[in-house]
Amino acid sequence: MSGLVGVLIPVKAFNEAKGRLASVVAADMRAELVRNMAATVIAAAAPLPVTVVCDDDEVDVWARSVGASVLRVHEPGLNHAVEAGVAALAAAGVERVLIAHADLPRATRLDHCTTTEGITLVPDRHLDGTPVIVVPSSAGFRFAYGPGSYAAHVAEAERLGLPWRSLHDPDLAFDVDDPDDLKGLADLVGTRGFQPMD
């Protein structure tokens, strides 16, 4: 795959993701929720090519079934997965990489994040996380996902001396981490609907 922009979506094993929701969502429904959110993000990436980075066989098969390329990693950790993905896309000729988290249930499009040169940071609604980042693949950007990642990524953009912008998008700023985030998302848990555990 070569071209100006590629989308990289790290996806954790469906049966291991979103452990903080375990108190309110049964394991099988949590896996379904994670899969549906990831499908939403992949659909929002169109018409840009998508690569899913993962370390799980089920995710690998699923991602290929929905038209994404797959990059397998063998070391744990989100930062490692993203760094490996960006390096692989750079080697394939991709000049700019849009990294999107897989838990953005309101995502409808991603291409508007790529309209300027340099680095684009999309903060979450708490101005803490960074659900979407666009970086030049050759910039050597050091990813720092986890608590306070938005501030860390701003500092990294400034360290590199590249032009950067903060793009506030309410749909992309809404990610799902805690039980309160599930309100209004029943349609993402299939036709059975969302049934919180007692």
Protein backbone atom coordinates (compact mmCIF):
# COMPACT_ATOMS: atom_id res chain seq x y z
CA MET A 1 0.00 0.00 0.00
CA SER A 2 1.38 3.39 -0.92
CA GLY A 3 -0.09 6.86 -1.07
CA LEU A 4 -0.26 10.12 0.75
CA VAL A 5 -2.39 9.14 3.76
CA GLY A 6 -3.12 5.85 5.50
CA VAL A 7 -5.30 5.14 8.54
CA LEU A 8 -3.95 3.01 11.38
CA ILE A 9 -6.39 1.57 13.92
CA PRO A 10 -5.02 -0.42 16.87
CA VAL A 11 -7.54 -3.04 17.98
CA LYS A 12 -7.18 -5.06 21.16
CA ALA A 13 -8.50 -8.62 21.41
CA PHE A 14 -12.29 -8.33 21.57
CA ASN A 15 -12.59 -10.55 24.63
CA GLU A 16 -9.97 -8.55 26.54
CA ALA A 17 -11.01 -4.99 25.70
CA LYS A 18 -12.88 -2.52 27.88
CA GLY A 19 -12.38 -4.25 31.19
CA ARG A 20 -13.64 -1.16 33.00
CA LEU A 21 -17.11 -1.95 31.62
CA ALA A 22 -17.15 -5.44 33.14
CA SER A 23 -19.30 -4.36 36.08
CA VAL A 24 -22.17 -3.33 33.80
CA VAL A 25 -21.76 -5.32 30.56
CA ALA A 26 -21.48 -9.10 30.25
CA ALA A 27 -18.34 -10.38 28.53
CA ASP A 28 -20.00 -11.50 25.27
CA MET A 29 -21.83 -8.21 24.90
CA ARG A 30 -18.67 -6.27 25.73
CA ALA A 31 -16.89 -8.07 22.90
CA GLU A 32 -19.78 -7.27 20.57
CA LEU A 33 -19.70 -3.62 21.60
CA VAL A 34 -15.95 -3.38 20.94
CA ARG A 35 -16.31 -5.06 17.55
CA ASN A 36 -19.15 -2.74 16.53
CA MET A 37 -17.27 0.38 17.59
CA ALA A 38 -14.21 -0.73 15.63
CA ALA A 39 -16.40 -1.32 12.57
CA THR A 40 -17.79 2.20 12.96
CA VAL A 41 -14.29 3.69 12.95
CA ILE A 42 -13.22 1.66 9.92
CA ALA A 43 -16.32 2.82 8.03
CA ALA A 44 -15.60 6.43 9.02
CA ALA A 45 -12.12 6.14 7.49
CA ALA A 46 -13.45 5.73 3.94
CA PRO A 47 -12.16 6.45 1.35
CA LEU A 48 -8.74 6.26 3.01
CA PRO A 49 -7.01 2.85 3.21
CA VAL A 50 -7.13 1.24 6.65
CA THR A 51 -4.60 -0.94 8.44
CA VAL A 52 -5.57 -2.62 11.70
CA VAL A 53 -2.68 -3.34 14.04
CA CYS A 54 -3.33 -6.19 16.45
CA ASP A 55 -1.87 -9.22 18.20
CA ASP A 56 -4.97 -11.43 18.08
CA ASP A 57 -6.12 -14.05 15.56
CA GLU A 58 -9.81 -13.23 15.86
CA VAL A 59 -9.21 -9.52 15.30
CA ASP A 60 -6.97 -10.36 12.33
CA VAL A 61 -9.65 -12.45 10.61
CA TRP A 62 -12.38 -9.93 11.39
CA ALA A 63 -10.38 -6.94 10.12
CA ARG A 64 -9.65 -8.64 6.81
CA SER A 65 -13.35 -9.52 6.48
CA VAL A 66 -14.28 -5.83 6.63
CA GLY A 67 -11.67 -4.80 4.06
CA ALA A 68 -8.78 -3.63 6.23
CA SER A 69 -5.16 -4.62 5.90
CA VAL A 70 -3.64 -6.17 9.01
CA LEU A 71 -0.30 -5.72 10.74
CA ARG A 72 0.50 -8.20 13.50
CA VAL A 73 2.62 -7.19 16.48
CA HIS A 74 4.06 -9.49 19.10
CA GLU A 75 4.89 -7.10 21.92
CA PRO A 76 2.20 -5.73 24.24
CA GLY A 77 1.25 -2.11 24.59
CA LEU A 78 -0.61 0.52 22.61
CA ASN A 79 2.41 2.77 22.12
CA HIS A 80 4.47 -0.10 20.72
CA ALA A 81 1.64 -1.17 18.40
CA VAL A 82 1.20 2.33 17.01
CA GLU A 83 4.93 2.92 16.57
CA ALA A 84 5.26 -0.39 14.73
CA GLY A 85 2.26 0.45 12.57
CA VAL A 86 3.56 3.89 11.62
CA ALA A 87 6.98 2.44 10.77
CA ALA A 88 5.41 -0.27 8.59
CA LEU A 89 3.23 2.22 6.73
CA ALA A 90 6.21 4.53 6.20
CA ALA A 91 8.17 1.61 4.74
CA ALA A 92 5.23 0.93 2.40
CA GLY A 93 5.35 4.49 1.06
CA VAL A 94 2.62 6.12 3.15
CA GLU A 95 3.62 9.73 3.84
CA ARG A 96 1.14 10.64 6.57
CA VAL A 97 -0.58 8.35 9.06
CA LEU A 98 -3.89 9.00 10.81
CA ILE A 99 -4.06 6.98 14.01
CA ALA A 100 -7.61 6.51 15.31
CA HIS A 101 -8.70 4.64 18.41
CA ALA A 102 -11.21 1.86 17.84
CA ASP A 103 -13.67 3.04 20.51
CA LEU A 104 -15.24 6.07 18.81
CA PRO A 105 -18.92 5.13 18.41
CA ARG A 106 -19.94 8.53 17.02
CA ALA A 107 -17.28 8.68 14.32
CA THR A 108 -18.72 9.36 10.87
CA ARG A 109 -15.64 10.63 9.01
CA LEU A 110 -11.92 10.97 9.51
CA ASP A 111 -10.69 12.52 6.27
CA HIS A 112 -11.19 16.10 7.52
CA CYS A 113 -8.41 15.48 10.04
CA THR A 114 -5.90 15.23 7.19
CA THR A 115 -6.55 18.56 5.47
CA THR A 116 -3.47 20.38 6.81
CA GLU A 117 0.21 19.58 6.78
CA GLY A 118 2.16 18.79 9.92
CA ILE A 119 0.55 17.22 12.96
CA THR A 120 -3.12 17.18 13.92
CA LEU A 121 -4.18 16.26 17.45
CA VAL A 122 -7.84 15.56 18.25
CA PRO A 123 -8.34 15.69 22.03
CA ASP A 124 -11.04 13.75 23.81
CA ARG A 125 -13.90 15.59 25.49
CA HIS A 126 -11.96 15.75 28.76
CA LEU A 127 -8.88 17.27 27.06
CA ASP A 128 -6.91 14.34 28.47
CA GLY A 129 -6.67 11.64 25.80
CA THR A 130 -5.89 11.77 22.08
CA PRO A 131 -8.34 9.57 20.15
CA VAL A 132 -7.08 10.74 16.74
CA ILE A 133 -3.59 11.87 15.69
CA VAL A 134 -2.23 12.63 12.22
CA VAL A 135 1.56 12.59 11.84
CA PRO A 136 4.08 12.58 9.01
CA SER A 137 5.26 8.98 8.93
CA SER A 138 8.92 9.97 8.87
CA ALA A 139 8.74 12.53 11.71
CA GLY A 140 9.89 10.21 14.47
CA PHE A 141 6.87 11.13 16.57
CA ARG A 142 7.02 9.49 20.01
CA PHE A 143 3.59 8.31 21.11
CA ALA A 144 2.58 8.56 24.76
CA TYR A 145 -0.89 7.05 25.06
CA GLY A 146 -2.34 6.77 28.55
CA PRO A 147 -3.45 9.36 31.11
CA GLY A 148 -2.52 12.87 30.02
CA SER A 149 -1.65 11.80 26.48
CA TYR A 150 -3.01 14.97 24.89
CA ALA A 151 -0.59 17.21 26.81
CA ALA A 152 2.22 14.76 26.13
CA HIS A 153 1.46 14.73 22.40
CA VAL A 154 1.31 18.53 22.28
CA ALA A 155 4.75 18.60 23.91
CA GLU A 156 6.02 16.05 21.39
CA ALA A 157 4.74 18.10 18.43
CA GLU A 158 6.52 21.12 19.81
CA ARG A 159 9.70 19.13 20.41
CA LEU A 160 9.74 18.13 16.77
CA GLY A 161 9.28 21.74 15.68
CA LEU A 162 6.60 20.82 13.17
CA PRO A 163 3.45 22.83 12.53
CA TRP A 164 0.57 21.35 14.51
CA ARG A 165 -3.05 22.03 15.26
CA SER A 166 -5.61 20.94 17.81
CA LEU A 167 -8.83 19.91 16.07
CA HIS A 168 -11.87 19.83 18.32
CA ASP A 169 -14.46 17.42 16.93
CA PRO A 170 -17.28 16.40 19.30
CA ASP A 171 -17.90 13.11 17.50
CA LEU A 172 -14.26 12.03 17.55
CA ALA A 173 -13.83 13.37 21.09
CA PHE A 174 -16.36 10.86 22.41
CA ASP A 175 -14.69 7.59 23.31
CA VAL A 176 -15.95 4.76 25.50
CA ASP A 177 -13.96 3.94 28.61
CA ASP A 178 -16.32 3.97 31.59
CA PRO A 179 -19.90 2.84 32.24
CA ASP A 180 -21.21 6.40 32.03
CA ASP A 181 -20.00 6.57 28.44
CA LEU A 182 -22.50 3.88 27.40
CA LYS A 183 -25.58 6.08 27.67
CA GLY A 184 -27.36 6.28 24.33
CA LEU A 185 -25.28 3.56 22.67
CA ALA A 186 -27.75 0.67 22.72
CA ASP A 187 -27.67 0.40 18.92
CA LEU A 188 -24.01 -0.64 19.05
CA VAL A 189 -24.71 -3.87 20.91
CA GLY A 190 -26.68 -5.43 18.08
CA THR A 191 -30.35 -6.24 17.87
CA ARG A 192 -30.46 -7.60 21.41
CA GLY A 193 -29.94 -4.10 22.74
CA PHE A 194 -27.77 -3.07 25.65
CA GLN A 195 -28.73 -4.86 28.85
CA PRO A 196 -26.59 -3.74 31.78
CA MET A 197 -25.75 -6.44 34.30
CA ASP A 198 -27.50 -6.23 37.65
